[in-house]
């Protein structure tokens, strides 16, 4: 039954993560909001609860190994497994500067959250996901991480040149492919989601898509049937080129 399935969403207290939580919660899934900030996490859970969604907060800072291990132990203790992991937490710290002007500290901080954090959470939650009959991992990527589109002068966002954020999403796609390859003989499916240019805190709400639109592909990949794809990169219209 769907209502027995547990979904962990990192950075799930706002933006696309929160909207994905809302949509999945409406479908009957139990939502675990992974958040660094206790107040914001509790507010997100309270908001979901008012919509009759079963939700709980999990303290989770994706840049803190101790926090990640504690979260995994808590989920194991309370639920014994995890059905869906949505790696949503992310940062953009380029500040609009050209690659040659980017500070190394900003590049490192970007990767700490977007890449190393995602890797660490995935690794910690994998034993729990393997206990699910239909585990799903959805990695929040971006069309800005597509090397094909970044090399195409006719692509919509060709003029964007944010080394930290964009290359981190390329690395996210690599994580997707390689974890999917490792897990190809298991029930777990791993895919990258491109939500499009969505209005969130990440881009100062400059995106022209709503969070409802942005969460569409996330929810779709989180609820793939057993015959669904793995190791792919998708937006709501289909396959996105690597």
C-alpha atoms as a PDB file:
ATOM      1  CA  UNK A   1       0.000   0.000   0.000  1.00  0.00           C
ATOM      2  CA  UNK A   2       1.226   3.465  -0.902  1.00  0.00           C
ATOM      3  CA  UNK A   3       0.325   4.911   2.477  1.00  0.00           C
ATOM      4  CA  UNK A   4       2.910   2.660   4.132  1.00  0.00           C
ATOM      5  CA  UNK A   5       5.749   4.106   2.047  1.00  0.00           C
ATOM      6  CA  UNK A   6       8.241   6.477   3.663  1.00  0.00           C
ATOM      7  CA  UNK A   7       9.808   9.382   1.755  1.00  0.00           C
ATOM      8  CA  UNK A   8      12.859  11.337   2.947  1.00  0.00           C
ATOM      9  CA  UNK A   9      13.343  14.726   1.297  1.00  0.00           C
ATOM     10  CA  UNK A  10      16.554  16.608   2.065  1.00  0.00           C
ATOM     11  CA  UNK A  11      16.006  20.350   2.341  1.00  0.00           C
ATOM     12  CA  UNK A  12      12.316  19.537   2.272  1.00  0.00           C
ATOM     13  CA  UNK A  13      11.162  22.522   4.303  1.00  0.00           C
ATOM     14  CA  UNK A  14      10.859  24.891   1.312  1.00  0.00           C
ATOM     15  CA  UNK A  15      10.788  25.288  -2.452  1.00  0.00           C
ATOM     16  CA  UNK A  16      10.597  22.289  -4.766  1.00  0.00           C
ATOM     17  CA  UNK A  17      11.348  19.915  -1.894  1.00  0.00           C
ATOM     18  CA  UNK A  18       8.376  21.114   0.122  1.00  0.00           C
ATOM     19  CA  UNK A  19       6.060  21.042  -2.887  1.00  0.00           C
ATOM     20  CA  UNK A  20       7.175  17.491  -3.710  1.00  0.00           C
ATOM     21  CA  UNK A  21       6.433  16.615  -0.088  1.00  0.00           C
ATOM     22  CA  UNK A  22       2.977  18.117  -0.404  1.00  0.00           C
ATOM     23  CA  UNK A  23       2.175  16.297  -3.640  1.00  0.00           C
ATOM     24  CA  UNK A  24       3.478  12.940  -2.417  1.00  0.00           C
ATOM     25  CA  UNK A  25       1.750  13.421   0.912  1.00  0.00           C
ATOM     26  CA  UNK A  26      -1.550  13.973  -0.891  1.00  0.00           C
ATOM     27  CA  UNK A  27      -0.942  10.640  -2.615  1.00  0.00           C
ATOM     28  CA  UNK A  28      -0.742   8.927   0.768  1.00  0.00           C
ATOM     29  CA  UNK A  29       2.994   8.707   1.367  1.00  0.00           C
ATOM     30  CA  UNK A  30       4.443   9.437   4.804  1.00  0.00           C
ATOM     31  CA  UNK A  31       6.826  12.372   4.523  1.00  0.00           C
ATOM     32  CA  UNK A  32      10.089  12.800   6.403  1.00  0.00           C
ATOM     33  CA  UNK A  33      11.233  16.407   6.098  1.00  0.00           C
ATOM     34  CA  UNK A  34      15.011  16.537   6.304  1.00  0.00           C
ATOM     35  CA  UNK A  35      16.016  20.000   7.499  1.00  0.00           C
ATOM     36  CA  UNK A  36      18.965  21.676   9.201  1.00  0.00           C
ATOM     37  CA  UNK A  37      16.865  24.349  10.853  1.00  0.00           C
ATOM     38  CA  UNK A  38      14.557  22.942  13.536  1.00  0.00           C
ATOM     39  CA  UNK A  39      12.075  25.836  13.417  1.00  0.00           C
ATOM     40  CA  UNK A  40      11.687  25.749   9.634  1.00  0.00           C
ATOM     41  CA  UNK A  41      11.413  21.987   9.663  1.00  0.00           C
ATOM     42  CA  UNK A  42       8.685  22.038  12.282  1.00  0.00           C
ATOM     43  CA  UNK A  43       6.820  24.778  10.396  1.00  0.00           C
ATOM     44  CA  UNK A  44       6.939  22.678   7.222  1.00  0.00           C
ATOM     45  CA  UNK A  45       5.598  19.637   9.068  1.00  0.00           C
ATOM     46  CA  UNK A  46       2.838  21.746  10.634  1.00  0.00           C
ATOM     47  CA  UNK A  47       1.844  23.109   7.212  1.00  0.00           C
ATOM     48  CA  UNK A  48       1.657  19.601   5.761  1.00  0.00           C
ATOM     49  CA  UNK A  49      -0.310  18.349   8.750  1.00  0.00           C
ATOM     50  CA  UNK A  50      -2.996  20.994   8.141  1.00  0.00           C
ATOM     51  CA  UNK A  51      -3.526  19.329   4.752  1.00  0.00           C
ATOM     52  CA  UNK A  52      -3.994  15.949   6.445  1.00  0.00           C
ATOM     53  CA  UNK A  53      -0.567  14.762   5.341  1.00  0.00           C
ATOM     54  CA  UNK A  54       1.388  12.466   7.635  1.00  0.00           C
ATOM     55  CA  UNK A  55       4.753  14.153   8.127  1.00  0.00           C
ATOM     56  CA  UNK A  56       7.650  14.235  10.547  1.00  0.00           C
ATOM     57  CA  UNK A  57      10.864  16.217  10.798  1.00  0.00           C
ATOM     58  CA  UNK A  58      14.271  14.576  10.626  1.00  0.00           C
ATOM     59  CA  UNK A  59      17.234  16.683  11.671  1.00  0.00           C
ATOM     60  CA  UNK A  60      19.550  16.467   8.683  1.00  0.00           C
ATOM     61  CA  UNK A  61      22.448  18.650   7.628  1.00  0.00           C
ATOM     62  CA  UNK A  62      23.826  17.098   4.436  1.00  0.00           C
ATOM     63  CA  UNK A  63      27.265  18.645   5.094  1.00  0.00           C
ATOM     64  CA  UNK A  64      27.550  17.067   8.547  1.00  0.00           C
ATOM     65  CA  UNK A  65      28.440  13.325   8.604  1.00  0.00           C
ATOM     66  CA  UNK A  66      27.305  12.958  12.211  1.00  0.00           C
ATOM     67  CA  UNK A  67      23.920  14.452  11.374  1.00  0.00           C
ATOM     68  CA  UNK A  68      23.543  12.108   8.392  1.00  0.00           C
ATOM     69  CA  UNK A  69      24.359   9.007  10.426  1.00  0.00           C
ATOM     70  CA  UNK A  70      21.988  10.088  13.194  1.00  0.00           C
ATOM     71  CA  UNK A  71      19.199  10.584  10.648  1.00  0.00           C
ATOM     72  CA  UNK A  72      19.776   7.119   9.186  1.00  0.00           C
ATOM     73  CA  UNK A  73      19.704   5.564  12.657  1.00  0.00           C
ATOM     74  CA  UNK A  74      16.508   7.437  13.534  1.00  0.00           C
ATOM     75  CA  UNK A  75      14.761   6.257  10.360  1.00  0.00           C
ATOM     76  CA  UNK A  76      15.967   2.710  10.968  1.00  0.00           C
ATOM     77  CA  UNK A  77      14.742   2.801  14.554  1.00  0.00           C
ATOM     78  CA  UNK A  78      11.336   4.317  13.757  1.00  0.00           C
ATOM     79  CA  UNK A  79      10.511   2.699  10.421  1.00  0.00           C
ATOM     80  CA  UNK A  80      13.030  -0.028   9.650  1.00  0.00           C
ATOM     81  CA  UNK A  81      13.324   0.995   6.007  1.00  0.00           C
ATOM     82  CA  UNK A  82      13.099   3.858   3.545  1.00  0.00           C
ATOM     83  CA  UNK A  83      11.158   3.664   0.275  1.00  0.00           C
ATOM     84  CA  UNK A  84      12.071   6.914  -1.436  1.00  0.00           C
ATOM     85  CA  UNK A  85      15.019   9.287  -1.078  1.00  0.00           C
ATOM     86  CA  UNK A  86      14.747  12.676  -2.744  1.00  0.00           C
ATOM     87  CA  UNK A  87      18.121  14.421  -2.715  1.00  0.00           C
ATOM     88  CA  UNK A  88      16.784  17.953  -2.962  1.00  0.00           C
ATOM     89  CA  UNK A  89      19.105  20.064  -0.782  1.00  0.00           C
ATOM     90  CA  UNK A  90      21.286  22.358  -2.856  1.00  0.00           C
ATOM     91  CA  UNK A  91      23.040  25.719  -2.965  1.00  0.00           C
ATOM     92  CA  UNK A  92      24.150  28.198  -5.621  1.00  0.00           C
ATOM     93  CA  UNK A  93      27.045  30.400  -4.512  1.00  0.00           C
ATOM     94  CA  UNK A  94      28.551  31.671  -7.774  1.00  0.00           C
ATOM     95  CA  UNK A  95      27.075  35.131  -7.397  1.00  0.00           C
ATOM     96  CA  UNK A  96      26.953  35.564 -11.151  1.00  0.00           C
ATOM     97  CA  UNK A  97      30.740  35.762 -11.583  1.00  0.00           C
ATOM     98  CA  UNK A  98      32.643  34.232 -14.494  1.00  0.00           C
ATOM     99  CA  UNK A  99      34.467  30.933 -13.910  1.00  0.00           C
ATOM    100  CA  UNK A 100      37.850  32.652 -13.695  1.00  0.00           C
ATOM    101  CA  UNK A 101      36.543  34.973 -10.977  1.00  0.00           C
ATOM    102  CA  UNK A 102      34.973  32.293  -8.783  1.00  0.00           C
ATOM    103  CA  UNK A 103      36.560  31.906  -5.365  1.00  0.00           C
ATOM    104  CA  UNK A 104      37.806  28.407  -4.586  1.00  0.00           C
ATOM    105  CA  UNK A 105      36.065  28.541  -1.208  1.00  0.00           C
ATOM    106  CA  UNK A 106      32.709  29.061  -2.967  1.00  0.00           C
ATOM    107  CA  UNK A 107      33.383  26.161  -5.327  1.00  0.00           C
ATOM    108  CA  UNK A 108      34.242  23.894  -2.399  1.00  0.00           C
ATOM    109  CA  UNK A 109      31.148  24.937  -0.423  1.00  0.00           C
ATOM    110  CA  UNK A 110      28.947  24.296  -3.450  1.00  0.00           C
ATOM    111  CA  UNK A 111      30.321  20.788  -3.830  1.00  0.00           C
ATOM    112  CA  UNK A 112      30.082  20.129  -0.085  1.00  0.00           C
ATOM    113  CA  UNK A 113      26.292  20.430  -0.320  1.00  0.00           C
ATOM    114  CA  UNK A 114      25.388  19.575  -3.912  1.00  0.00           C
ATOM    115  CA  UNK A 115      27.763  16.668  -4.490  1.00  0.00           C
ATOM    116  CA  UNK A 116      29.475  15.387  -1.342  1.00  0.00           C
ATOM    117  CA  UNK A 117      26.320  15.898   0.726  1.00  0.00           C
ATOM    118  CA  UNK A 118      24.208  14.037  -1.819  1.00  0.00           C
ATOM    119  CA  UNK A 119      26.753  11.214  -1.961  1.00  0.00           C
ATOM    120  CA  UNK A 120      26.937  10.945   1.836  1.00  0.00           C
ATOM    121  CA  UNK A 121      23.166  10.883   2.317  1.00  0.00           C
ATOM    122  CA  UNK A 122      22.700   8.331  -0.458  1.00  0.00           C
ATOM    123  CA  UNK A 123      25.387   6.075   0.973  1.00  0.00           C
ATOM    124  CA  UNK A 124      23.934   6.279   4.478  1.00  0.00           C
ATOM    125  CA  UNK A 125      20.354   5.619   3.368  1.00  0.00           C
ATOM    126  CA  UNK A 126      21.150   2.824   0.912  1.00  0.00           C
ATOM    127  CA  UNK A 127      20.862  -0.030   3.445  1.00  0.00           C
ATOM    128  CA  UNK A 128      17.379   1.251   4.349  1.00  0.00           C
ATOM    129  CA  UNK A 129      16.369   1.640   0.694  1.00  0.00           C
ATOM    130  CA  UNK A 130      17.481  -1.925  -0.020  1.00  0.00           C
ATOM    131  CA  UNK A 131      14.868  -3.140   2.460  1.00  0.00           C
ATOM    132  CA  UNK A 132      12.107  -1.561   0.378  1.00  0.00           C
ATOM    133  CA  UNK A 133      10.452  -3.699  -2.303  1.00  0.00           C
ATOM    134  CA  UNK A 134      10.609  -0.723  -4.675  1.00  0.00           C
ATOM    135  CA  UNK A 135      13.249   1.767  -3.566  1.00  0.00           C
ATOM    136  CA  UNK A 136      13.570   5.019  -5.489  1.00  0.00           C
ATOM    137  CA  UNK A 137      16.285   7.690  -5.449  1.00  0.00           C
ATOM    138  CA  UNK A 138      15.625  11.027  -7.123  1.00  0.00           C
ATOM    139  CA  UNK A 139      18.555  13.410  -7.450  1.00  0.00           C
ATOM    140  CA  UNK A 140      17.677  17.052  -8.048  1.00  0.00           C
ATOM    141  CA  UNK A 141      19.756  18.124 -11.003  1.00  0.00           C
ATOM    142  CA  UNK A 142      19.329  20.922 -13.537  1.00  0.00           C
ATOM    143  CA  UNK A 143      19.405  21.437 -17.266  1.00  0.00           C
ATOM    144  CA  UNK A 144      22.316  23.730 -16.408  1.00  0.00           C
ATOM    145  CA  UNK A 145      24.286  20.580 -15.635  1.00  0.00           C
ATOM    146  CA  UNK A 146      23.897  19.219 -19.152  1.00  0.00           C
ATOM    147  CA  UNK A 147      27.235  19.283 -20.989  1.00  0.00           C
ATOM    148  CA  UNK A 148      25.355  18.874 -24.265  1.00  0.00           C
ATOM    149  CA  UNK A 149      23.189  21.940 -23.665  1.00  0.00           C
ATOM    150  CA  UNK A 150      26.087  23.965 -22.245  1.00  0.00           C
ATOM    151  CA  UNK A 151      27.952  23.343 -25.504  1.00  0.00           C
ATOM    152  CA  UNK A 152      25.028  24.360 -27.721  1.00  0.00           C
ATOM    153  CA  UNK A 153      24.918  28.101 -28.600  1.00  0.00           C
ATOM    154  CA  UNK A 154      21.227  27.699 -29.447  1.00  0.00           C
ATOM    155  CA  UNK A 155      20.273  26.272 -26.051  1.00  0.00           C
ATOM    156  CA  UNK A 156      17.954  28.410 -23.909  1.00  0.00           C
ATOM    157  CA  UNK A 157      20.441  28.882 -21.073  1.00  0.00           C
ATOM    158  CA  UNK A 158      23.669  28.887 -23.085  1.00  0.00           C
ATOM    159  CA  UNK A 159      24.586  32.342 -21.734  1.00  0.00           C
ATOM    160  CA  UNK A 160      24.603  31.037 -18.163  1.00  0.00           C
ATOM    161  CA  UNK A 161      28.194  30.291 -17.124  1.00  0.00           C
ATOM    162  CA  UNK A 162      28.173  29.516 -13.416  1.00  0.00           C
ATOM    163  CA  UNK A 163      31.059  27.116 -12.860  1.00  0.00           C
ATOM    164  CA  UNK A 164      30.268  26.104  -9.280  1.00  0.00           C
ATOM    165  CA  UNK A 165      26.562  25.422  -9.563  1.00  0.00           C
ATOM    166  CA  UNK A 166      26.538  24.083 -13.112  1.00  0.00           C
ATOM    167  CA  UNK A 167      29.483  21.721 -12.733  1.00  0.00           C
ATOM    168  CA  UNK A 168      28.089  20.460  -9.431  1.00  0.00           C
ATOM    169  CA  UNK A 169      24.903  19.421 -11.229  1.00  0.00           C
ATOM    170  CA  UNK A 170      26.994  17.688 -13.899  1.00  0.00           C
ATOM    171  CA  UNK A 171      28.599  15.768 -11.030  1.00  0.00           C
ATOM    172  CA  UNK A 172      25.143  14.977  -9.645  1.00  0.00           C
ATOM    173  CA  UNK A 173      24.326  13.354 -12.978  1.00  0.00           C
ATOM    174  CA  UNK A 174      27.490  11.283 -12.721  1.00  0.00           C
ATOM    175  CA  UNK A 175      26.416  10.099  -9.258  1.00  0.00           C
ATOM    176  CA  UNK A 176      23.064   9.097 -10.749  1.00  0.00           C
ATOM    177  CA  UNK A 177      24.599   7.052 -13.544  1.00  0.00           C
ATOM    178  CA  UNK A 178      27.161   5.299 -11.364  1.00  0.00           C
ATOM    179  CA  UNK A 179      24.840   4.469  -8.466  1.00  0.00           C
ATOM    180  CA  UNK A 180      22.239   3.212 -10.965  1.00  0.00           C
ATOM    181  CA  UNK A 181      24.892   1.004 -12.515  1.00  0.00           C
ATOM    182  CA  UNK A 182      25.797  -0.446  -9.127  1.00  0.00           C
ATOM    183  CA  UNK A 183      22.134  -1.047  -8.270  1.00  0.00           C
ATOM    184  CA  UNK A 184      20.948  -2.242 -11.691  1.00  0.00           C
ATOM    185  CA  UNK A 185      20.180  -5.751 -10.429  1.00  0.00           C
ATOM    186  CA  UNK A 186      18.250  -4.483  -7.403  1.00  0.00           C
ATOM    187  CA  UNK A 187      14.732  -3.066  -7.069  1.00  0.00           C
ATOM    188  CA  UNK A 188      16.136   0.452  -6.575  1.00  0.00           C
ATOM    189  CA  UNK A 189      15.850   2.979  -9.393  1.00  0.00           C
ATOM    190  CA  UNK A 190      18.080   6.067  -9.456  1.00  0.00           C
ATOM    191  CA  UNK A 191      17.334   9.040 -11.692  1.00  0.00           C
ATOM    192  CA  UNK A 192      18.150  12.724 -12.086  1.00  0.00           C
ATOM    193  CA  UNK A 193      15.334  15.264 -12.241  1.00  0.00           C
ATOM    194  CA  UNK A 194      15.456  18.587 -14.079  1.00  0.00           C
ATOM    195  CA  UNK A 195      12.680  20.754 -12.600  1.00  0.00           C
ATOM    196  CA  UNK A 196      13.346  23.613 -15.031  1.00  0.00           C
ATOM    197  CA  UNK A 197      13.880  27.293 -14.198  1.00  0.00           C
ATOM    198  CA  UNK A 198      11.693  27.299 -11.099  1.00  0.00           C
ATOM    199  CA  UNK A 199      11.080  30.268  -8.835  1.00  0.00           C
ATOM    200  CA  UNK A 200      12.860  29.419  -5.560  1.00  0.00           C
ATOM    201  CA  UNK A 201      15.184  30.992  -3.001  1.00  0.00           C
ATOM    202  CA  UNK A 202      18.069  29.398  -4.909  1.00  0.00           C
ATOM    203  CA  UNK A 203      17.706  31.824  -7.819  1.00  0.00           C
ATOM    204  CA  UNK A 204      16.206  34.755  -5.944  1.00  0.00           C
ATOM    205  CA  UNK A 205      12.784  33.779  -7.311  1.00  0.00           C
ATOM    206  CA  UNK A 206      13.792  34.762 -10.845  1.00  0.00           C
ATOM    207  CA  UNK A 207      12.580  31.472 -12.306  1.00  0.00           C
ATOM    208  CA  UNK A 208       9.494  31.563 -14.495  1.00  0.00           C
ATOM    209  CA  UNK A 209       8.155  28.155 -13.438  1.00  0.00           C
ATOM    210  CA  UNK A 210       6.115  27.534 -10.287  1.00  0.00           C
ATOM    211  CA  UNK A 211       7.165  25.062  -7.611  1.00  0.00           C
ATOM    212  CA  UNK A 212       4.087  23.030  -8.555  1.00  0.00           C
ATOM    213  CA  UNK A 213       5.487  22.689 -12.084  1.00  0.00           C
ATOM    214  CA  UNK A 214       9.021  22.082 -10.858  1.00  0.00           C
ATOM    215  CA  UNK A 215       7.961  19.270  -8.538  1.00  0.00           C
ATOM    216  CA  UNK A 216       6.109  17.390 -11.283  1.00  0.00           C
ATOM    217  CA  UNK A 217       9.097  15.412 -12.570  1.00  0.00           C
ATOM    218  CA  UNK A 218      10.383  14.817  -9.037  1.00  0.00           C
ATOM    219  CA  UNK A 219       7.125  13.176  -8.011  1.00  0.00           C
ATOM    220  CA  UNK A 220       6.954  11.208 -11.258  1.00  0.00           C
ATOM    221  CA  UNK A 221      10.433   9.734 -10.759  1.00  0.00           C
ATOM    222  CA  UNK A 222       9.733   9.052  -7.077  1.00  0.00           C
ATOM    223  CA  UNK A 223       6.699   6.954  -8.011  1.00  0.00           C
ATOM    224  CA  UNK A 224       8.057   5.073 -11.029  1.00  0.00           C
ATOM    225  CA  UNK A 225       6.548   1.644 -11.651  1.00  0.00           C
ATOM    226  CA  UNK A 226       8.797  -1.403 -11.462  1.00  0.00           C
ATOM    227  CA  UNK A 227       9.306  -1.358 -15.222  1.00  0.00           C
ATOM    228  CA  UNK A 228      10.364   2.309 -15.144  1.00  0.00           C
ATOM    229  CA  UNK A 229      13.794   3.618 -16.155  1.00  0.00           C
ATOM    230  CA  UNK A 230      16.922   3.915 -14.045  1.00  0.00           C
ATOM    231  CA  UNK A 231      20.134   5.846 -14.582  1.00  0.00           C
ATOM    232  CA  UNK A 232      18.409   8.555 -16.609  1.00  0.00           C
ATOM    233  CA  UNK A 233      18.022  12.340 -16.719  1.00  0.00           C
ATOM    234  CA  UNK A 234      14.477  13.612 -17.181  1.00  0.00           C
ATOM    235  CA  UNK A 235      12.279  16.677 -17.148  1.00  0.00           C
ATOM    236  CA  UNK A 236       8.502  16.586 -17.384  1.00  0.00           C
ATOM    237  CA  UNK A 237       8.719  16.378 -21.188  1.00  0.00           C
ATOM    238  CA  UNK A 238      11.079  13.414 -21.337  1.00  0.00           C
ATOM    239  CA  UNK A 239      14.798  12.717 -21.570  1.00  0.00           C
ATOM    240  CA  UNK A 240      17.289  15.557 -21.015  1.00  0.00           C
ATOM    241  CA  UNK A 241      20.658  15.120 -22.785  1.00  0.00           C
ATOM    242  CA  UNK A 242      23.727  14.551 -20.665  1.00  0.00           C
END
